[in-house]
Amino acid sequence: MSDGEQQQQQEQKVEDGNQTINIRVATSNGDEVFFKIKRSTKLSKLQGAYANKVGKDVGSIRFLYDGVRVNEDDTPHTLDMEDNDTIDVMVEQVGGFTLQPC
């Protein structure tokens, strides 16, 4: 690969990061919230905005893309997301059971 081709690929990556993408955040009961963000924006920013919009603590909800948990440092670019892709949101369930004395 020539120096010109390498530079062109690097410029393309920068341009890709600045492109905006529409992302749908959907709950299991069908509620949806739409966001438009840059491909280089960390999804933790989207998670915070979603939690604020629905009035929940960001630590109490989980975000999944293609069945895999979204990490704070993930971006639409690093996850190869396409325009109008969906992130699923779940309320974290903490629990188990408590043993009661007989």
N, C-alpha and C. Protein backbone atom coordinates (compact mmCIF):
# COMPACT_ATOMS: atom_id res chain seq x y z
N MET A 1 0.86 -1.17 0.00
CA MET A 1 0.00 0.00 0.00
C MET A 1 0.90 1.24 0.00
N SER A 2 0.61 2.17 -0.87
CA SER A 2 1.42 3.38 -0.97
C SER A 2 1.08 4.35 0.15
N ASP A 3 1.96 5.34 0.34
CA ASP A 3 1.72 6.36 1.37
C ASP A 3 0.43 7.11 1.09
N GLY A 4 0.13 7.38 -0.16
CA GLY A 4 -1.09 8.09 -0.53
C GLY A 4 -2.33 7.31 -0.16
N GLU A 5 -2.29 5.97 -0.38
CA GLU A 5 -3.43 5.13 -0.03
C GLU A 5 -3.64 5.07 1.48
N GLN A 6 -2.53 4.99 2.24
CA GLN A 6 -2.63 4.97 3.70
C GLN A 6 -3.22 6.27 4.22
N GLN A 7 -2.77 7.40 3.66
CA GLN A 7 -3.30 8.70 4.10
C GLN A 7 -4.78 8.81 3.77
N GLN A 8 -5.18 8.31 2.61
CA GLN A 8 -6.58 8.36 2.21
C GLN A 8 -7.44 7.52 3.16
N GLN A 9 -6.93 6.35 3.58
CA GLN A 9 -7.67 5.51 4.52
C GLN A 9 -7.81 6.21 5.87
N GLN A 10 -6.75 6.85 6.35
CA GLN A 10 -6.81 7.56 7.62
C GLN A 10 -7.80 8.71 7.54
N GLU A 11 -7.83 9.45 6.44
CA GLU A 11 -8.79 10.54 6.27
C GLU A 11 -10.21 10.00 6.25
N GLN A 12 -10.40 8.85 5.61
CA GLN A 12 -11.73 8.24 5.56
C GLN A 12 -12.21 7.88 6.96
N LYS A 13 -11.30 7.35 7.81
CA LYS A 13 -11.68 7.00 9.18
C LYS A 13 -12.10 8.23 9.96
N VAL A 14 -11.39 9.34 9.79
CA VAL A 14 -11.75 10.58 10.48
C VAL A 14 -13.12 11.05 10.00
N GLU A 15 -13.34 11.01 8.69
CA GLU A 15 -14.65 11.42 8.15
C GLU A 15 -15.75 10.52 8.68
N ASP A 16 -15.51 9.22 8.75
CA ASP A 16 -16.51 8.29 9.27
C ASP A 16 -16.88 8.65 10.69
N GLY A 17 -15.91 9.03 11.51
CA GLY A 17 -16.15 9.37 12.90
C GLY A 17 -16.99 10.62 13.06
N ASN A 18 -16.93 11.52 12.07
CA ASN A 18 -17.69 12.76 12.16
C ASN A 18 -19.08 12.66 11.55
N GLN A 19 -19.37 11.57 10.86
CA GLN A 19 -20.70 11.38 10.30
C GLN A 19 -21.70 11.16 11.43
N THR A 20 -22.91 11.63 11.22
CA THR A 20 -23.95 11.37 12.22
C THR A 20 -24.70 10.10 11.87
N ILE A 21 -25.26 9.51 12.90
CA ILE A 21 -26.00 8.26 12.75
C ILE A 21 -27.24 8.37 13.64
N ASN A 22 -28.34 7.82 13.17
CA ASN A 22 -29.58 7.77 13.95
C ASN A 22 -29.62 6.43 14.66
N ILE A 23 -29.84 6.47 15.97
CA ILE A 23 -29.90 5.25 16.76
C ILE A 23 -31.21 5.22 17.53
N ARG A 24 -31.84 4.07 17.51
CA ARG A 24 -33.10 3.88 18.23
C ARG A 24 -32.79 3.08 19.49
N VAL A 25 -33.26 3.56 20.63
CA VAL A 25 -33.14 2.84 21.90
C VAL A 25 -34.53 2.32 22.24
N ALA A 26 -34.65 1.00 22.35
CA ALA A 26 -35.97 0.39 22.51
C ALA A 26 -36.03 -0.49 23.75
N THR A 27 -37.17 -0.42 24.44
CA THR A 27 -37.41 -1.29 25.60
C THR A 27 -38.16 -2.53 25.14
N SER A 28 -38.23 -3.52 26.02
CA SER A 28 -38.92 -4.76 25.67
C SER A 28 -40.43 -4.57 25.53
N ASN A 29 -40.98 -3.49 26.11
CA ASN A 29 -42.42 -3.26 25.97
C ASN A 29 -42.76 -2.35 24.79
N GLY A 30 -41.77 -2.05 23.96
CA GLY A 30 -42.04 -1.31 22.72
C GLY A 30 -41.79 0.18 22.76
N ASP A 31 -41.44 0.74 23.91
CA ASP A 31 -41.12 2.17 23.97
C ASP A 31 -39.83 2.43 23.23
N GLU A 32 -39.77 3.55 22.49
CA GLU A 32 -38.59 3.88 21.70
C GLU A 32 -38.21 5.34 21.89
N VAL A 33 -36.90 5.58 21.92
CA VAL A 33 -36.36 6.93 21.95
C VAL A 33 -35.30 6.98 20.86
N PHE A 34 -35.32 8.06 20.08
CA PHE A 34 -34.38 8.19 18.98
C PHE A 34 -33.30 9.22 19.29
N PHE A 35 -32.07 8.91 18.90
CA PHE A 35 -30.94 9.80 19.10
C PHE A 35 -30.19 9.96 17.79
N LYS A 36 -29.64 11.14 17.57
CA LYS A 36 -28.77 11.39 16.43
C LYS A 36 -27.43 11.82 17.00
N ILE A 37 -26.41 10.99 16.79
CA ILE A 37 -25.09 11.27 17.35
C ILE A 37 -24.01 11.03 16.28
N LYS A 38 -22.82 11.54 16.55
CA LYS A 38 -21.69 11.27 15.65
C LYS A 38 -21.25 9.82 15.85
N ARG A 39 -20.70 9.26 14.79
CA ARG A 39 -20.21 7.88 14.86
C ARG A 39 -19.06 7.73 15.85
N SER A 40 -18.40 8.86 16.19
CA SER A 40 -17.26 8.81 17.11
C SER A 40 -17.66 9.09 18.56
N THR A 41 -18.94 9.39 18.82
CA THR A 41 -19.39 9.72 20.17
C THR A 41 -19.47 8.46 21.02
N LYS A 42 -18.92 8.54 22.23
CA LYS A 42 -19.01 7.39 23.13
C LYS A 42 -20.46 7.15 23.49
N LEU A 43 -20.85 5.89 23.47
CA LEU A 43 -22.24 5.54 23.75
C LEU A 43 -22.61 5.78 25.21
N SER A 44 -21.63 6.01 26.08
CA SER A 44 -21.94 6.36 27.47
C SER A 44 -22.70 7.69 27.52
N LYS A 45 -22.42 8.56 26.57
CA LYS A 45 -23.14 9.84 26.50
C LYS A 45 -24.61 9.60 26.14
N LEU A 46 -24.85 8.71 25.20
CA LEU A 46 -26.22 8.34 24.82
C LEU A 46 -26.92 7.67 26.00
N GLN A 47 -26.22 6.81 26.71
CA GLN A 47 -26.81 6.11 27.86
C GLN A 47 -27.25 7.11 28.92
N GLY A 48 -26.40 8.10 29.20
CA GLY A 48 -26.75 9.12 30.18
C GLY A 48 -27.94 9.94 29.76
N ALA A 49 -27.98 10.30 28.47
CA ALA A 49 -29.10 11.08 27.95
C ALA A 49 -30.40 10.28 28.03
N TYR A 50 -30.34 8.99 27.71
CA TYR A 50 -31.53 8.15 27.77
C TYR A 50 -32.03 8.04 29.21
N ALA A 51 -31.10 7.75 30.14
CA ALA A 51 -31.48 7.60 31.55
C ALA A 51 -32.13 8.88 32.07
N ASN A 52 -31.56 10.02 31.70
CA ASN A 52 -32.11 11.31 32.12
C ASN A 52 -33.52 11.51 31.55
N LYS A 53 -33.69 11.14 30.29
CA LYS A 53 -34.99 11.33 29.62
C LYS A 53 -36.09 10.48 30.26
N VAL A 54 -35.76 9.26 30.66
CA VAL A 54 -36.78 8.37 31.23
C VAL A 54 -36.81 8.42 32.76
N GLY A 55 -35.93 9.23 33.36
CA GLY A 55 -35.95 9.41 34.81
C GLY A 55 -35.42 8.23 35.60
N LYS A 56 -34.46 7.52 35.04
CA LYS A 56 -33.86 6.38 35.74
C LYS A 56 -32.38 6.65 35.97
N ASP A 57 -31.82 5.96 36.95
CA ASP A 57 -30.39 6.03 37.20
C ASP A 57 -29.68 5.19 36.14
N VAL A 58 -28.64 5.76 35.52
CA VAL A 58 -27.95 5.06 34.43
C VAL A 58 -27.36 3.73 34.91
N GLY A 59 -27.07 3.62 36.21
CA GLY A 59 -26.54 2.37 36.74
C GLY A 59 -27.57 1.27 36.90
N SER A 60 -28.85 1.63 36.77
CA SER A 60 -29.90 0.63 36.95
C SER A 60 -30.41 0.06 35.64
N ILE A 61 -29.85 0.52 34.51
CA ILE A 61 -30.30 0.01 33.22
C ILE A 61 -29.10 -0.48 32.42
N ARG A 62 -29.35 -1.42 31.53
CA ARG A 62 -28.31 -2.02 30.71
C ARG A 62 -28.67 -1.85 29.24
N PHE A 63 -27.65 -1.63 28.44
CA PHE A 63 -27.83 -1.41 27.01
C PHE A 63 -27.16 -2.55 26.25
N LEU A 64 -27.89 -3.11 25.28
CA LEU A 64 -27.38 -4.23 24.49
C LEU A 64 -27.48 -3.90 23.01
N TYR A 65 -26.43 -4.24 22.29
CA TYR A 65 -26.45 -4.11 20.83
C TYR A 65 -26.13 -5.48 20.25
N ASP A 66 -27.02 -6.00 19.46
CA ASP A 66 -26.89 -7.36 18.91
C ASP A 66 -26.66 -8.39 20.01
N GLY A 67 -27.34 -8.20 21.16
CA GLY A 67 -27.26 -9.15 22.25
C GLY A 67 -26.03 -9.03 23.13
N VAL A 68 -25.15 -8.07 22.83
CA VAL A 68 -23.92 -7.89 23.60
C VAL A 68 -24.00 -6.57 24.35
N ARG A 69 -23.59 -6.60 25.61
CA ARG A 69 -23.66 -5.39 26.43
C ARG A 69 -22.77 -4.29 25.86
N VAL A 70 -23.31 -3.07 25.83
CA VAL A 70 -22.58 -1.90 25.34
C VAL A 70 -21.71 -1.38 26.48
N ASN A 71 -20.43 -1.18 26.21
CA ASN A 71 -19.50 -0.65 27.20
C ASN A 71 -19.42 0.86 27.09
N GLU A 72 -18.95 1.51 28.14
CA GLU A 72 -18.88 2.98 28.17
C GLU A 72 -18.04 3.55 27.05
N ASP A 73 -16.96 2.87 26.67
CA ASP A 73 -16.06 3.39 25.66
C ASP A 73 -16.47 3.04 24.23
N ASP A 74 -17.50 2.24 24.06
CA ASP A 74 -17.96 1.87 22.72
C ASP A 74 -18.52 3.08 22.00
N THR A 75 -18.34 3.11 20.70
CA THR A 75 -18.92 4.13 19.83
C THR A 75 -19.66 3.42 18.71
N PRO A 76 -20.54 4.12 18.00
CA PRO A 76 -21.17 3.48 16.84
C PRO A 76 -20.13 2.99 15.82
N HIS A 77 -19.02 3.71 15.71
CA HIS A 77 -17.97 3.32 14.77
C HIS A 77 -17.31 2.01 15.21
N THR A 78 -16.95 1.89 16.50
CA THR A 78 -16.26 0.67 16.96
C THR A 78 -17.19 -0.55 16.93
N LEU A 79 -18.50 -0.32 17.02
CA LEU A 79 -19.45 -1.43 16.97
C LEU A 79 -19.98 -1.69 15.56
N ASP A 80 -19.43 -0.95 14.57
CA ASP A 80 -19.88 -1.07 13.17
C ASP A 80 -21.39 -0.91 13.04
N MET A 81 -21.94 0.05 13.78
CA MET A 81 -23.37 0.31 13.71
C MET A 81 -23.72 1.02 12.41
N GLU A 82 -24.92 0.77 11.94
CA GLU A 82 -25.42 1.44 10.74
C GLU A 82 -26.56 2.37 11.13
N ASP A 83 -26.88 3.28 10.24
CA ASP A 83 -27.96 4.23 10.48
C ASP A 83 -29.25 3.47 10.79
N ASN A 84 -29.98 3.94 11.79
CA ASN A 84 -31.26 3.37 12.24
C ASN A 84 -31.13 2.03 12.94
N ASP A 85 -29.93 1.68 13.42
CA ASP A 85 -29.79 0.46 14.22
C ASP A 85 -30.45 0.67 15.58
N THR A 86 -30.72 -0.43 16.25
CA THR A 86 -31.41 -0.40 17.53
C THR A 86 -30.52 -0.89 18.66
N ILE A 87 -30.54 -0.16 19.76
CA ILE A 87 -29.93 -0.61 21.01
C ILE A 87 -31.08 -0.99 21.93
N ASP A 88 -31.01 -2.19 22.49
CA ASP A 88 -32.04 -2.64 23.42
C ASP A 88 -31.67 -2.20 24.82
N VAL A 89 -32.66 -1.77 25.57
CA VAL A 89 -32.42 -1.33 26.95
C VAL A 89 -33.21 -2.24 27.90
N MET A 90 -32.54 -2.64 28.97
CA MET A 90 -33.15 -3.53 29.96
C MET A 90 -32.94 -2.92 31.35
N VAL A 91 -33.91 -3.11 32.21
CA VAL A 91 -33.75 -2.71 33.60
C VAL A 91 -32.97 -3.81 34.29
N GLU A 92 -31.88 -3.42 34.95
CA GLU A 92 -31.06 -4.43 35.63
C GLU A 92 -31.85 -5.01 36.78
N GLN A 93 -31.84 -6.33 36.86
CA GLN A 93 -32.54 -7.01 37.95
C GLN A 93 -31.50 -7.58 38.90
N VAL A 94 -31.56 -7.10 40.11
CA VAL A 94 -30.66 -7.61 41.15
C VAL A 94 -31.51 -8.44 42.07
N GLY A 95 -31.02 -9.59 42.38
CA GLY A 95 -31.85 -10.34 43.28
C GLY A 95 -31.41 -11.75 43.46
N GLY A 96 -32.33 -12.47 43.88
CA GLY A 96 -32.13 -13.85 44.26
C GLY A 96 -33.22 -14.15 45.27
N PHE A 97 -32.83 -14.73 46.35
CA PHE A 97 -33.83 -15.00 47.39
C PHE A 97 -33.16 -14.90 48.75
N THR A 98 -33.96 -14.77 49.74
CA THR A 98 -33.49 -14.67 51.11
C THR A 98 -33.96 -15.90 51.87
N LEU A 99 -33.03 -16.50 52.56
CA LEU A 99 -33.40 -17.65 53.38
C LEU A 99 -34.05 -17.15 54.67
N GLN A 100 -35.17 -17.70 55.00
CA GLN A 100 -35.89 -17.34 56.23
C GLN A 100 -35.69 -18.46 57.25
N PRO A 101 -35.43 -18.08 58.49
CA PRO A 101 -35.30 -19.15 59.50
C PRO A 101 -36.63 -19.89 59.69
N CYS A 102 -36.53 -21.17 59.95
CA CYS A 102 -37.74 -21.99 60.15
C CYS A 102 -38.28 -21.84 61.54
